[in-house]
Amino acid sequence: MGRLTTHVLDTANGIPGAEIKVELYRIQDASLHWVKTVYTNADGRTDEAILDNESFSPGKYQLIFHTADYFKQQGVSLPDIPFLDDVVIRFGIADSSSHYHVPLLVSPYSFSTYRGS
């Protein structure tokens, strides 16, 4: 069976993004359906796969990374309306037997993602 994982790297400070709230939604008929909320660990990863086994199925999904809260906890001075409050990544899972890894490289003013391994 396949699985979904993530890894957050704080590129502004050169460290893993620890204790970041990450929400997963499944998108069906243009509606968001909450699936799970997890937090990254000290290595910027989740302690277990976000989705796996029976819960891992093809479809369109959305991850929301609460990055402004993280940067505020790191002591970064952000405006009342941060440039990047939450980072939203929409992606599709086509193959339920594959590993889908969605890493996030983030700073207070930029982010990048890709399908990792």
PDB file of N, CA and C in Angstrom:
ATOM      1  N   MET A   1       0.828  -1.179   0.000  1.00  0.00           N
ATOM      2  CA  MET A   1       0.000   0.000   0.000  1.00  0.00           C
ATOM      3  C   MET A   1       0.877   1.248   0.000  1.00  0.00           C
ATOM      4  N   GLY A   2       0.340   2.306  -0.543  1.00  0.00           N
ATOM      5  CA  GLY A   2       1.054   3.573  -0.595  1.00  0.00           C
ATOM      6  C   GLY A   2       0.911   4.353   0.688  1.00  0.00           C
ATOM      7  N   ARG A   3       1.538   5.525   0.680  1.00  0.00           N
ATOM      8  CA  ARG A   3       1.451   6.388   1.856  1.00  0.00           C
ATOM      9  C   ARG A   3       1.759   7.824   1.477  1.00  0.00           C
ATOM     10  N   LEU A   4       1.343   8.738   2.338  1.00  0.00           N
ATOM     11  CA  LEU A   4       1.583  10.166   2.175  1.00  0.00           C
ATOM     12  C   LEU A   4       2.403  10.657   3.350  1.00  0.00           C
ATOM     13  N   THR A   5       3.523  11.327   3.043  1.00  0.00           N
ATOM     14  CA  THR A   5       4.380  11.882   4.087  1.00  0.00           C
ATOM     15  C   THR A   5       4.748  13.319   3.729  1.00  0.00           C
ATOM     16  N   THR A   6       5.318  14.033   4.703  1.00  0.00           N
ATOM     17  CA  THR A   6       5.786  15.393   4.472  1.00  0.00           C
ATOM     18  C   THR A   6       7.034  15.646   5.301  1.00  0.00           C
ATOM     19  N   HIS A   7       7.702  16.741   4.993  1.00  0.00           N
ATOM     20  CA  HIS A   7       8.900  17.169   5.703  1.00  0.00           C
ATOM     21  C   HIS A   7       8.990  18.675   5.509  1.00  0.00           C
ATOM     22  N   VAL A   8       9.121  19.432   6.585  1.00  0.00           N
ATOM     23  CA  VAL A   8       9.196  20.886   6.493  1.00  0.00           C
ATOM     24  C   VAL A   8      10.594  21.346   6.885  1.00  0.00           C
ATOM     25  N   LEU A   9      11.179  22.165   6.014  1.00  0.00           N
ATOM     26  CA  LEU A   9      12.486  22.753   6.289  1.00  0.00           C
ATOM     27  C   LEU A   9      12.350  24.274   6.329  1.00  0.00           C
ATOM     28  N   ASP A  10      12.828  24.866   7.391  1.00  0.00           N
ATOM     29  CA  ASP A  10      12.842  26.311   7.577  1.00  0.00           C
ATOM     30  C   ASP A  10      14.104  26.831   6.883  1.00  0.00           C
ATOM     31  N   THR A  11      13.942  27.331   5.658  1.00  0.00           N
ATOM     32  CA  THR A  11      15.103  27.762   4.877  1.00  0.00           C
ATOM     33  C   THR A  11      15.660  29.096   5.354  1.00  0.00           C
ATOM     34  N   ALA A  12      14.892  29.867   6.107  1.00  0.00           N
ATOM     35  CA  ALA A  12      15.391  31.142   6.639  1.00  0.00           C
ATOM     36  C   ALA A  12      16.414  30.914   7.737  1.00  0.00           C
ATOM     37  N   ASN A  13      16.225  29.839   8.502  1.00  0.00           N
ATOM     38  CA  ASN A  13      17.118  29.565   9.631  1.00  0.00           C
ATOM     39  C   ASN A  13      17.976  28.324   9.439  1.00  0.00           C
ATOM     40  N   GLY A  14      17.744  27.589   8.356  1.00  0.00           N
ATOM     41  CA  GLY A  14      18.535  26.392   8.087  1.00  0.00           C
ATOM     42  C   GLY A  14      18.283  25.268   9.066  1.00  0.00           C
ATOM     43  N   ILE A  15      17.029  25.114   9.487  1.00  0.00           N
ATOM     44  CA  ILE A  15      16.686  24.078  10.465  1.00  0.00           C
ATOM     45  C   ILE A  15      15.390  23.387  10.048  1.00  0.00           C
ATOM     46  N   PRO A  16      15.114  22.218  10.626  1.00  0.00           N
ATOM     47  CA  PRO A  16      13.812  21.595  10.380  1.00  0.00           C
ATOM     48  C   PRO A  16      12.699  22.456  10.976  1.00  0.00           C
ATOM     49  N   GLY A  17      11.544  22.438  10.348  1.00  0.00           N
ATOM     50  CA  GLY A  17      10.376  23.158  10.859  1.00  0.00           C
ATOM     51  C   GLY A  17       9.645  22.307  11.867  1.00  0.00           C
ATOM     52  N   ALA A  18       9.942  22.495  13.136  1.00  0.00           N
ATOM     53  CA  ALA A  18       9.371  21.673  14.204  1.00  0.00           C
ATOM     54  C   ALA A  18       8.083  22.275  14.744  1.00  0.00           C
ATOM     55  N   GLU A  19       7.180  21.403  15.155  1.00  0.00           N
ATOM     56  CA  GLU A  19       5.917  21.774  15.799  1.00  0.00           C
ATOM     57  C   GLU A  19       5.027  22.650  14.907  1.00  0.00           C
ATOM     58  N   ILE A  20       5.003  22.343  13.619  1.00  0.00           N
ATOM     59  CA  ILE A  20       4.129  23.050  12.677  1.00  0.00           C
ATOM     60  C   ILE A  20       2.842  22.251  12.525  1.00  0.00           C
ATOM     61  N   LYS A  21       1.735  22.937  12.693  1.00  0.00           N
ATOM     62  CA  LYS A  21       0.424  22.314  12.504  1.00  0.00           C
ATOM     63  C   LYS A  21       0.189  22.115  11.018  1.00  0.00           C
ATOM     64  N   VAL A  22      -0.214  20.897  10.638  1.00  0.00           N
ATOM     65  CA  VAL A  22      -0.480  20.547   9.239  1.00  0.00           C
ATOM     66  C   VAL A  22      -1.863  19.889   9.182  1.00  0.00           C
ATOM     67  N   GLU A  23      -2.722  20.437   8.340  1.00  0.00           N
ATOM     68  CA  GLU A  23      -4.058  19.879   8.165  1.00  0.00           C
ATOM     69  C   GLU A  23      -4.168  19.263   6.782  1.00  0.00           C
ATOM     70  N   LEU A  24      -4.812  18.118   6.707  1.00  0.00           N
ATOM     71  CA  LEU A  24      -5.055  17.444   5.435  1.00  0.00           C
ATOM     72  C   LEU A  24      -6.549  17.430   5.149  1.00  0.00           C
ATOM     73  N   TYR A  25      -6.891  17.803   3.911  1.00  0.00           N
ATOM     74  CA  TYR A  25      -8.272  17.766   3.437  1.00  0.00           C
ATOM     75  C   TYR A  25      -8.333  16.961   2.152  1.00  0.00           C
ATOM     76  N   ARG A  26      -9.417  16.273   1.942  1.00  0.00           N
ATOM     77  CA  ARG A  26      -9.708  15.628   0.663  1.00  0.00           C
ATOM     78  C   ARG A  26     -10.678  16.549  -0.063  1.00  0.00           C
ATOM     79  N   ILE A  27     -10.464  16.738  -1.350  1.00  0.00           N
ATOM     80  CA  ILE A  27     -11.314  17.613  -2.146  1.00  0.00           C
ATOM     81  C   ILE A  27     -12.247  16.742  -2.968  1.00  0.00           C
ATOM     82  N   GLN A  28     -13.547  16.923  -2.757  1.00  0.00           N
ATOM     83  CA  GLN A  28     -14.564  16.181  -3.501  1.00  0.00           C
ATOM     84  C   GLN A  28     -15.656  17.155  -3.922  1.00  0.00           C
ATOM     85  N   ASP A  29     -15.943  17.171  -5.212  1.00  0.00           N
ATOM     86  CA  ASP A  29     -17.002  18.039  -5.739  1.00  0.00           C
ATOM     87  C   ASP A  29     -16.810  19.485  -5.298  1.00  0.00           C
ATOM     88  N   ALA A  30     -15.584  19.973  -5.376  1.00  0.00           N
ATOM     89  CA  ALA A  30     -15.216  21.352  -5.037  1.00  0.00           C
ATOM     90  C   ALA A  30     -15.398  21.680  -3.555  1.00  0.00           C
ATOM     91  N   SER A  31     -15.593  20.675  -2.717  1.00  0.00           N
ATOM     92  CA  SER A  31     -15.722  20.889  -1.280  1.00  0.00           C
ATOM     93  C   SER A  31     -14.526  20.270  -0.560  1.00  0.00           C
ATOM     94  N   LEU A  32     -14.124  20.913   0.533  1.00  0.00           N
ATOM     95  CA  LEU A  32     -13.046  20.393   1.361  1.00  0.00           C
ATOM     96  C   LEU A  32     -13.632  19.530   2.469  1.00  0.00           C
ATOM     97  N   HIS A  33     -13.041  18.353   2.655  1.00  0.00           N
ATOM     98  CA  HIS A  33     -13.455  17.446   3.717  1.00  0.00           C
ATOM     99  C   HIS A  33     -12.232  17.152   4.583  1.00  0.00           C
ATOM    100  N   TRP A  34     -12.292  17.625   5.839  1.00  0.00           N
ATOM    101  CA  TRP A  34     -11.167  17.437   6.748  1.00  0.00           C
ATOM    102  C   TRP A  34     -10.905  15.943   6.939  1.00  0.00           C
ATOM    103  N   VAL A  35      -9.602  15.587   6.882  1.00  0.00           N
ATOM    104  CA  VAL A  35      -9.197  14.196   7.079  1.00  0.00           C
ATOM    105  C   VAL A  35      -8.411  14.040   8.377  1.00  0.00           C
ATOM    106  N   LYS A  36      -7.439  14.946   8.586  1.00  0.00           N
ATOM    107  CA  LYS A  36      -6.531  14.731   9.711  1.00  0.00           C
ATOM    108  C   LYS A  36      -5.748  16.003  10.009  1.00  0.00           C
ATOM    109  N   THR A  37      -5.378  16.185  11.270  1.00  0.00           N
ATOM    110  CA  THR A  37      -4.461  17.245  11.689  1.00  0.00           C
ATOM    111  C   THR A  37      -3.275  16.574  12.369  1.00  0.00           C
ATOM    112  N   VAL A  38      -2.064  16.973  11.966  1.00  0.00           N
ATOM    113  CA  VAL A  38      -0.837  16.430  12.544  1.00  0.00           C
ATOM    114  C   VAL A  38       0.112  17.588  12.846  1.00  0.00           C
ATOM    115  N   TYR A  39       1.166  17.304  13.578  1.00  0.00           N
ATOM    116  CA  TYR A  39       2.200  18.290  13.871  1.00  0.00           C
ATOM    117  C   TYR A  39       3.552  17.690  13.510  1.00  0.00           C
ATOM    118  N   THR A  40       4.436  18.528  13.019  1.00  0.00           N
ATOM    119  CA  THR A  40       5.771  18.045  12.700  1.00  0.00           C
ATOM    120  C   THR A  40       6.566  17.855  13.992  1.00  0.00           C
ATOM    121  N   ASN A  41       7.505  16.927  13.945  1.00  0.00           N
ATOM    122  CA  ASN A  41       8.358  16.651  15.095  1.00  0.00           C
ATOM    123  C   ASN A  41       9.646  17.490  15.015  1.00  0.00           C
ATOM    124  N   ALA A  42      10.607  17.210  15.857  1.00  0.00           N
ATOM    125  CA  ALA A  42      11.852  17.985  15.914  1.00  0.00           C
ATOM    126  C   ALA A  42      12.642  17.920  14.605  1.00  0.00           C
ATOM    127  N   ASP A  43      12.412  16.877  13.812  1.00  0.00           N
ATOM    128  CA  ASP A  43      13.094  16.728  12.525  1.00  0.00           C
ATOM    129  C   ASP A  43      12.295  17.352  11.379  1.00  0.00           C
ATOM    130  N   GLY A  44      11.161  17.982  11.680  1.00  0.00           N
ATOM    131  CA  GLY A  44      10.334  18.590  10.642  1.00  0.00           C
ATOM    132  C   GLY A  44       9.448  17.598   9.913  1.00  0.00           C
ATOM    133  N   ARG A  45       9.380  16.375  10.411  1.00  0.00           N
ATOM    134  CA  ARG A  45       8.550  15.324   9.807  1.00  0.00           C
ATOM    135  C   ARG A  45       7.417  14.977  10.764  1.00  0.00           C
ATOM    136  N   THR A  46       6.464  14.218  10.286  1.00  0.00           N
ATOM    137  CA  THR A  46       5.435  13.702  11.191  1.00  0.00           C
ATOM    138  C   THR A  46       5.909  12.353  11.726  1.00  0.00           C
ATOM    139  N   ASP A  47       5.430  11.992  12.899  1.00  0.00           N
ATOM    140  CA  ASP A  47       5.891  10.742  13.520  1.00  0.00           C
ATOM    141  C   ASP A  47       5.477   9.502  12.740  1.00  0.00           C
ATOM    142  N   GLU A  48       4.400   9.628  11.971  1.00  0.00           N
ATOM    143  CA  GLU A  48       3.953   8.518  11.124  1.00  0.00           C
ATOM    144  C   GLU A  48       3.381   9.099   9.837  1.00  0.00           C
ATOM    145  N   ALA A  49       3.115   8.256   8.886  1.00  0.00           N
ATOM    146  CA  ALA A  49       2.550   8.716   7.615  1.00  0.00           C
ATOM    147  C   ALA A  49       1.248   9.468   7.873  1.00  0.00           C
ATOM    148  N   ILE A  50       1.004  10.501   7.068  1.00  0.00           N
ATOM    149  CA  ILE A  50      -0.246  11.254   7.197  1.00  0.00           C
ATOM    150  C   ILE A  50      -1.412  10.387   6.733  1.00  0.00           C
ATOM    151  N   LEU A  51      -1.198   9.670   5.658  1.00  0.00           N
ATOM    152  CA  LEU A  51      -2.171   8.688   5.161  1.00  0.00           C
ATOM    153  C   LEU A  51      -1.419   7.413   4.833  1.00  0.00           C
ATOM    154  N   ASP A  52      -2.035   6.281   5.103  1.00  0.00           N
ATOM    155  CA  ASP A  52      -1.477   5.003   4.663  1.00  0.00           C
ATOM    156  C   ASP A  52      -2.563   3.934   4.742  1.00  0.00           C
ATOM    157  N   ASN A  53      -2.209   2.769   4.304  1.00  0.00           N
ATOM    158  CA  ASN A  53      -3.109   1.608   4.324  1.00  0.00           C
ATOM    159  C   ASN A  53      -4.472   1.917   3.709  1.00  0.00           C
ATOM    160  N   GLU A  54      -5.544   1.608   4.417  1.00  0.00           N
ATOM    161  CA  GLU A  54      -6.883   1.775   3.867  1.00  0.00           C
ATOM    162  C   GLU A  54      -7.262   3.235   3.657  1.00  0.00           C
ATOM    163  N   SER A  55      -6.675   4.137   4.433  1.00  0.00           N
ATOM    164  CA  SER A  55      -7.023   5.557   4.309  1.00  0.00           C
ATOM    165  C   SER A  55      -6.356   6.222   3.099  1.00  0.00           C
ATOM    166  N   PHE A  56      -5.380   5.545   2.493  1.00  0.00           N
ATOM    167  CA  PHE A  56      -4.654   6.100   1.355  1.00  0.00           C
ATOM    168  C   PHE A  56      -5.353   5.688   0.066  1.00  0.00           C
ATOM    169  N   SER A  57      -5.932   6.662  -0.623  1.00  0.00           N
ATOM    170  CA  SER A  57      -6.658   6.346  -1.850  1.00  0.00           C
ATOM    171  C   SER A  57      -6.496   7.466  -2.873  1.00  0.00           C
ATOM    172  N   PRO A  58      -6.647   7.136  -4.159  1.00  0.00           N
ATOM    173  CA  PRO A  58      -6.523   8.165  -5.197  1.00  0.00           C
ATOM    174  C   PRO A  58      -7.529   9.292  -4.979  1.00  0.00           C
ATOM    175  N   GLY A  59      -7.126  10.482  -5.378  1.00  0.00           N
ATOM    176  CA  GLY A  59      -8.007  11.636  -5.262  1.00  0.00           C
ATOM    177  C   GLY A  59      -7.217  12.918  -5.207  1.00  0.00           C
ATOM    178  N   LYS A  60      -7.934  13.999  -5.026  1.00  0.00           N
ATOM    179  CA  LYS A  60      -7.332  15.319  -4.923  1.00  0.00           C
ATOM    180  C   LYS A  60      -7.324  15.711  -3.444  1.00  0.00           C
ATOM    181  N   TYR A  61      -6.179  16.235  -2.985  1.00  0.00           N
ATOM    182  CA  TYR A  61      -5.989  16.555  -1.574  1.00  0.00           C
ATOM    183  C   TYR A  61      -5.421  17.961  -1.412  1.00  0.00           C
ATOM    184  N   GLN A  62      -5.503  18.449  -0.169  1.00  0.00           N
ATOM    185  CA  GLN A  62      -4.934  19.747   0.161  1.00  0.00           C
ATOM    186  C   GLN A  62      -4.273  19.665   1.531  1.00  0.00           C
ATOM    187  N   LEU A  63      -3.028  20.096   1.597  1.00  0.00           N
ATOM    188  CA  LEU A  63      -2.322  20.236   2.868  1.00  0.00           C
ATOM    189  C   LEU A  63      -2.260  21.716   3.209  1.00  0.00           C
ATOM    190  N   ILE A  64      -2.522  22.053   4.465  1.00  0.00           N
ATOM    191  CA  ILE A  64      -2.367  23.421   4.940  1.00  0.00           C
ATOM    192  C   ILE A  64      -1.316  23.407   6.039  1.00  0.00           C
ATOM    193  N   PHE A  65      -0.233  24.132   5.807  1.00  0.00           N
ATOM    194  CA  PHE A  65       0.854  24.258   6.774  1.00  0.00           C
ATOM    195  C   PHE A  65       0.710  25.622   7.456  1.00  0.00           C
ATOM    196  N   HIS A  66       0.584  25.634   8.767  1.00  0.00           N
ATOM    197  CA  HIS A  66       0.403  26.880   9.516  1.00  0.00           C
ATOM    198  C   HIS A  66       1.771  27.476   9.841  1.00  0.00           C
ATOM    199  N   THR A  67       2.351  28.123   8.848  1.00  0.00           N
ATOM    200  CA  THR A  67       3.742  28.572   8.950  1.00  0.00           C
ATOM    201  C   THR A  67       3.923  29.881   9.701  1.00  0.00           C
ATOM    202  N   ALA A  68       2.974  30.808   9.621  1.00  0.00           N
ATOM    203  CA  ALA A  68       3.132  32.078  10.349  1.00  0.00           C
ATOM    204  C   ALA A  68       3.203  31.819  11.850  1.00  0.00           C
ATOM    205  N   ASP A  69       2.363  30.926  12.356  1.00  0.00           N
ATOM    206  CA  ASP A  69       2.409  30.575  13.778  1.00  0.00           C
ATOM    207  C   ASP A  69       3.786  30.037  14.142  1.00  0.00           C
ATOM    208  N   TYR A  70       4.332  29.199  13.270  1.00  0.00           N
ATOM    209  CA  TYR A  70       5.667  28.640  13.506  1.00  0.00           C
ATOM    210  C   TYR A  70       6.716  29.752  13.574  1.00  0.00           C
ATOM    211  N   PHE A  71       6.722  30.648  12.599  1.00  0.00           N
ATOM    212  CA  PHE A  71       7.746  31.697  12.581  1.00  0.00           C
ATOM    213  C   PHE A  71       7.597  32.648  13.772  1.00  0.00           C
ATOM    214  N   LYS A  72       6.380  32.913  14.194  1.00  0.00           N
ATOM    215  CA  LYS A  72       6.177  33.742  15.398  1.00  0.00           C
ATOM    216  C   LYS A  72       6.771  33.044  16.615  1.00  0.00           C
ATOM    217  N   GLN A  73       6.594  31.720  16.716  1.00  0.00           N
ATOM    218  CA  GLN A  73       7.177  30.960  17.829  1.00  0.00           C
ATOM    219  C   GLN A  73       8.700  30.986  17.781  1.00  0.00           C
ATOM    220  N   GLN A  74       9.255  31.165  16.581  1.00  0.00           N
ATOM    221  CA  GLN A  74      10.702  31.242  16.425  1.00  0.00           C
ATOM    222  C   GLN A  74      11.236  32.642  16.732  1.00  0.00           C
ATOM    223  N   GLY A  75      10.326  33.574  17.040  1.00  0.00           N
ATOM    224  CA  GLY A  75      10.735  34.929  17.375  1.00  0.00           C
ATOM    225  C   GLY A  75      10.855  35.868  16.186  1.00  0.00           C
ATOM    226  N   VAL A  76      10.357  35.433  15.034  1.00  0.00           N
ATOM    227  CA  VAL A  76      10.398  36.273  13.836  1.00  0.00           C
ATOM    228  C   VAL A  76       9.304  37.332  13.962  1.00  0.00           C
ATOM    229  N   SER A  77       9.664  38.578  13.729  1.00  0.00           N
ATOM    230  CA  SER A  77       8.699  39.668  13.775  1.00  0.00           C
ATOM    231  C   SER A  77       7.955  39.718  12.444  1.00  0.00           C
ATOM    232  N   LEU A  78       6.672  39.412  12.497  1.00  0.00           N
ATOM    233  CA  LEU A  78       5.834  39.417  11.300  1.00  0.00           C
ATOM    234  C   LEU A  78       4.795  40.526  11.427  1.00  0.00           C
ATOM    235  N   PRO A  79       4.376  41.088  10.300  1.00  0.00           N
ATOM    236  CA  PRO A  79       3.295  42.078  10.382  1.00  0.00           C
ATOM    237  C   PRO A  79       1.995  41.427  10.850  1.00  0.00           C
ATOM    238  N   ASP A  80       1.021  42.265  11.250  1.00  0.00           N
ATOM    239  CA  ASP A  80      -0.268  41.742  11.716  1.00  0.00           C
ATOM    240  C   ASP A  80      -0.925  40.856  10.659  1.00  0.00           C
ATOM    241  N   ILE A  81      -0.713  41.186   9.412  1.00  0.00           N
ATOM    242  CA  ILE A  81      -1.178  40.347   8.306  1.00  0.00           C
ATOM    243  C   ILE A  81       0.076  39.818   7.605  1.00  0.00           C
ATOM    244  N   PRO A  82       0.528  38.604   7.983  1.00  0.00           N
ATOM    245  CA  PRO A  82       1.764  38.071   7.400  1.00  0.00           C
ATOM    246  C   PRO A  82       1.641  37.846   5.892  1.00  0.00           C
ATOM    247  N   PHE A  83       2.764  37.986   5.210  1.00  0.00           N
ATOM    248  CA  PHE A  83       2.788  37.707   3.776  1.00  0.00           C
ATOM    249  C   PHE A  83       2.366  36.272   3.519  1.00  0.00           C
ATOM    250  N   LEU A  84       2.951  35.327   4.244  1.00  0.00           N
ATOM    251  CA  LEU A  84       2.547  33.924   4.188  1.00  0.00           C
ATOM    252  C   LEU A  84       2.021  33.541   5.563  1.00  0.00           C
ATOM    253  N   ASP A  85       0.718  33.394   5.661  1.00  0.00           N
ATOM    254  CA  ASP A  85       0.128  32.969   6.917  1.00  0.00           C
ATOM    255  C   ASP A  85       0.084  31.445   6.932  1.00  0.00           C
ATOM    256  N   ASP A  86      -0.683  30.887   6.031  1.00  0.00           N
ATOM    257  CA  ASP A  86      -0.753  29.444   5.844  1.00  0.00           C
ATOM    258  C   ASP A  86      -0.282  29.126   4.432  1.00  0.00           C
ATOM    259  N   VAL A  87       0.477  28.061   4.290  1.00  0.00           N
ATOM    260  CA  VAL A  87       0.882  27.601   2.966  1.00  0.00           C
ATOM    261  C   VAL A  87      -0.051  26.461   2.583  1.00  0.00           C
ATOM    262  N   VAL A  88      -0.728  26.626   1.457  1.00  0.00           N
ATOM    263  CA  VAL A  88      -1.691  25.637   0.978  1.00  0.00           C
ATOM    264  C   VAL A  88      -1.114  24.944  -0.247  1.00  0.00           C
ATOM    265  N   ILE A  89      -1.084  23.634  -0.210  1.00  0.00           N
ATOM    266  CA  ILE A  89      -0.591  22.846  -1.341  1.00  0.00           C
ATOM    267  C   ILE A  89      -1.677  21.861  -1.739  1.00  0.00           C
ATOM    268  N   ARG A  90      -2.147  21.998  -2.985  1.00  0.00           N
ATOM    269  CA  ARG A  90      -3.121  21.043  -3.543  1.00  0.00           C
ATOM    270  C   ARG A  90      -2.377  20.092  -4.458  1.00  0.00           C
ATOM    271  N   PHE A  91      -2.714  18.835  -4.377  1.00  0.00           N
ATOM    272  CA  PHE A  91      -2.022  17.825  -5.171  1.00  0.00           C
ATOM    273  C   PHE A  91      -2.947  16.640  -5.383  1.00  0.00           C
ATOM    274  N   GLY A  92      -2.584  15.807  -6.321  1.00  0.00           N
ATOM    275  CA  GLY A  92      -3.373  14.629  -6.624  1.00  0.00           C
ATOM    276  C   GLY A  92      -2.612  13.352  -6.344  1.00  0.00           C
ATOM    277  N   ILE A  93      -3.336  12.353  -5.898  1.00  0.00           N
ATOM    278  CA  ILE A  93      -2.793  11.004  -5.726  1.00  0.00           C
ATOM    279  C   ILE A  93      -3.459  10.133  -6.780  1.00  0.00           C
ATOM    280  N   ALA A  94      -2.662   9.615  -7.689  1.00  0.00           N
ATOM    281  CA  ALA A  94      -3.186   8.794  -8.778  1.00  0.00           C
ATOM    282  C   ALA A  94      -2.955   7.299  -8.542  1.00  0.00           C
ATOM    283  N   ASP A  95      -1.887   6.963  -7.833  1.00  0.00           N
ATOM    284  CA  ASP A  95      -1.486   5.566  -7.669  1.00  0.00           C
ATOM    285  C   ASP A  95      -1.493   5.195  -6.189  1.00  0.00           C
ATOM    286  N   SER A  96      -2.432   4.405  -5.773  1.00  0.00           N
ATOM    287  CA  SER A  96      -2.563   4.068  -4.354  1.00  0.00           C
ATOM    288  C   SER A  96      -1.484   3.111  -3.849  1.00  0.00           C
ATOM    289  N   SER A  97      -0.599   2.666  -4.722  1.00  0.00           N
ATOM    290  CA  SER A  97       0.490   1.797  -4.277  1.00  0.00           C
ATOM    291  C   SER A  97       1.818   2.548  -4.145  1.00  0.00           C
ATOM    292  N   SER A  98       1.837   3.843  -4.440  1.00  0.00           N
ATOM    293  CA  SER A  98       3.067   4.638  -4.419  1.00  0.00           C
ATOM    294  C   SER A  98       3.217   5.445  -3.137  1.00  0.00           C
ATOM    295  N   HIS A  99       4.446   5.866  -2.893  1.00  0.00           N
ATOM    296  CA  HIS A  99       4.756   6.771  -1.790  1.00  0.00           C
ATOM    297  C   HIS A  99       4.701   8.194  -2.342  1.00  0.00           C
ATOM    298  N   TYR A 100       3.842   9.016  -1.797  1.00  0.00           N
ATOM    299  CA  TYR A 100       3.754  10.429  -2.156  1.00  0.00           C
ATOM    300  C   TYR A 100       4.346  11.225  -0.996  1.00  0.00           C
ATOM    301  N   HIS A 101       5.446  11.899  -1.265  1.00  0.00           N
ATOM    302  CA  HIS A 101       6.122  12.710  -0.261  1.00  0.00           C
ATOM    303  C   HIS A 101       6.026  14.162  -0.703  1.00  0.00           C
ATOM    304  N   VAL A 102       5.457  15.013   0.152  1.00  0.00           N
ATOM    305  CA  VAL A 102       5.243  16.423  -0.185  1.00  0.00           C
ATOM    306  C   VAL A 102       6.059  17.270   0.788  1.00  0.00           C
ATOM    307  N   PRO A 103       7.328  17.554   0.438  1.00  0.00           N
ATOM    308  CA  PRO A 103       8.150  18.388   1.313  1.00  0.00           C
ATOM    309  C   PRO A 103       7.828  19.869   1.115  1.00  0.00           C
ATOM    310  N   LEU A 104       8.071  20.645   2.161  1.00  0.00           N
ATOM    311  CA  LEU A 104       7.875  22.086   2.100  1.00  0.00           C
ATOM    312  C   LEU A 104       9.146  22.769   2.562  1.00  0.00           C
ATOM    313  N   LEU A 105       9.693  23.622   1.721  1.00  0.00           N
ATOM    314  CA  LEU A 105      10.807  24.484   2.080  1.00  0.00           C
ATOM    315  C   LEU A 105      10.208  25.869   2.237  1.00  0.00           C
ATOM    316  N   VAL A 106      10.368  26.473   3.408  1.00  0.00           N
ATOM    317  CA  VAL A 106       9.611  27.688   3.695  1.00  0.00           C
ATOM    318  C   VAL A 106      10.436  28.719   4.465  1.00  0.00           C
ATOM    319  N   SER A 107      10.154  29.984   4.184  1.00  0.00           N
ATOM    320  CA  SER A 107      10.654  31.122   4.936  1.00  0.00           C
ATOM    321  C   SER A 107       9.451  32.041   5.148  1.00  0.00           C
ATOM    322  N   PRO A 108       9.588  33.133   5.880  1.00  0.00           N
ATOM    323  CA  PRO A 108       8.429  34.012   6.066  1.00  0.00           C
ATOM    324  C   PRO A 108       7.910  34.645   4.769  1.00  0.00           C
ATOM    325  N   TYR A 109       8.731  34.614   3.699  1.00  0.00           N
ATOM    326  CA  TYR A 109       8.336  35.308   2.470  1.00  0.00           C
ATOM    327  C   TYR A 109       8.403  34.446   1.212  1.00  0.00           C
ATOM    328  N   SER A 110       8.644  33.146   1.362  1.00  0.00           N
ATOM    329  CA  SER A 110       8.668  32.287   0.177  1.00  0.00           C
ATOM    330  C   SER A 110       8.497  30.826   0.592  1.00  0.00           C
ATOM    331  N   PHE A 111       8.107  30.014  -0.394  1.00  0.00           N
ATOM    332  CA  PHE A 111       8.052  28.584  -0.158  1.00  0.00           C
ATOM    333  C   PHE A 111       8.228  27.849  -1.483  1.00  0.00           C
ATOM    334  N   SER A 112       8.593  26.590  -1.368  1.00  0.00           N
ATOM    335  CA  SER A 112       8.758  25.721  -2.525  1.00  0.00           C
ATOM    336  C   SER A 112       8.370  24.305  -2.115  1.00  0.00           C
ATOM    337  N   THR A 113       7.841  23.572  -3.081  1.00  0.00           N
ATOM    338  CA  THR A 113       7.494  22.178  -2.823  1.00  0.00           C
ATOM    339  C   THR A 113       7.757  21.370  -4.084  1.00  0.00           C
ATOM    340  N   TYR A 114       7.707  20.078  -3.970  1.00  0.00           N
ATOM    341  CA  TYR A 114       7.908  19.167  -5.097  1.00  0.00           C
ATOM    342  C   TYR A 114       7.452  17.788  -4.633  1.00  0.00           C
ATOM    343  N   ARG A 115       7.348  16.860  -5.557  1.00  0.00           N
ATOM    344  CA  ARG A 115       7.069  15.484  -5.147  1.00  0.00           C
ATOM    345  C   ARG A 115       8.397  14.825  -4.831  1.00  0.00           C
ATOM    346  N   GLY A 116       8.602  14.544  -3.593  1.00  0.00           N
ATOM    347  CA  GLY A 116       9.856  13.953  -3.140  1.00  0.00           C
ATOM    348  C   GLY A 116       9.793  12.446  -3.140  1.00  0.00           C
ATOM    349  N   SER A 117      10.795  11.867  -2.518  1.00  0.00           N
ATOM    350  CA  SER A 117      10.867  10.404  -2.453  1.00  0.00           C
ATOM    351  C   SER A 117      11.005   9.946  -1.014  1.00  0.00           C
TER     352      SER A 117
END
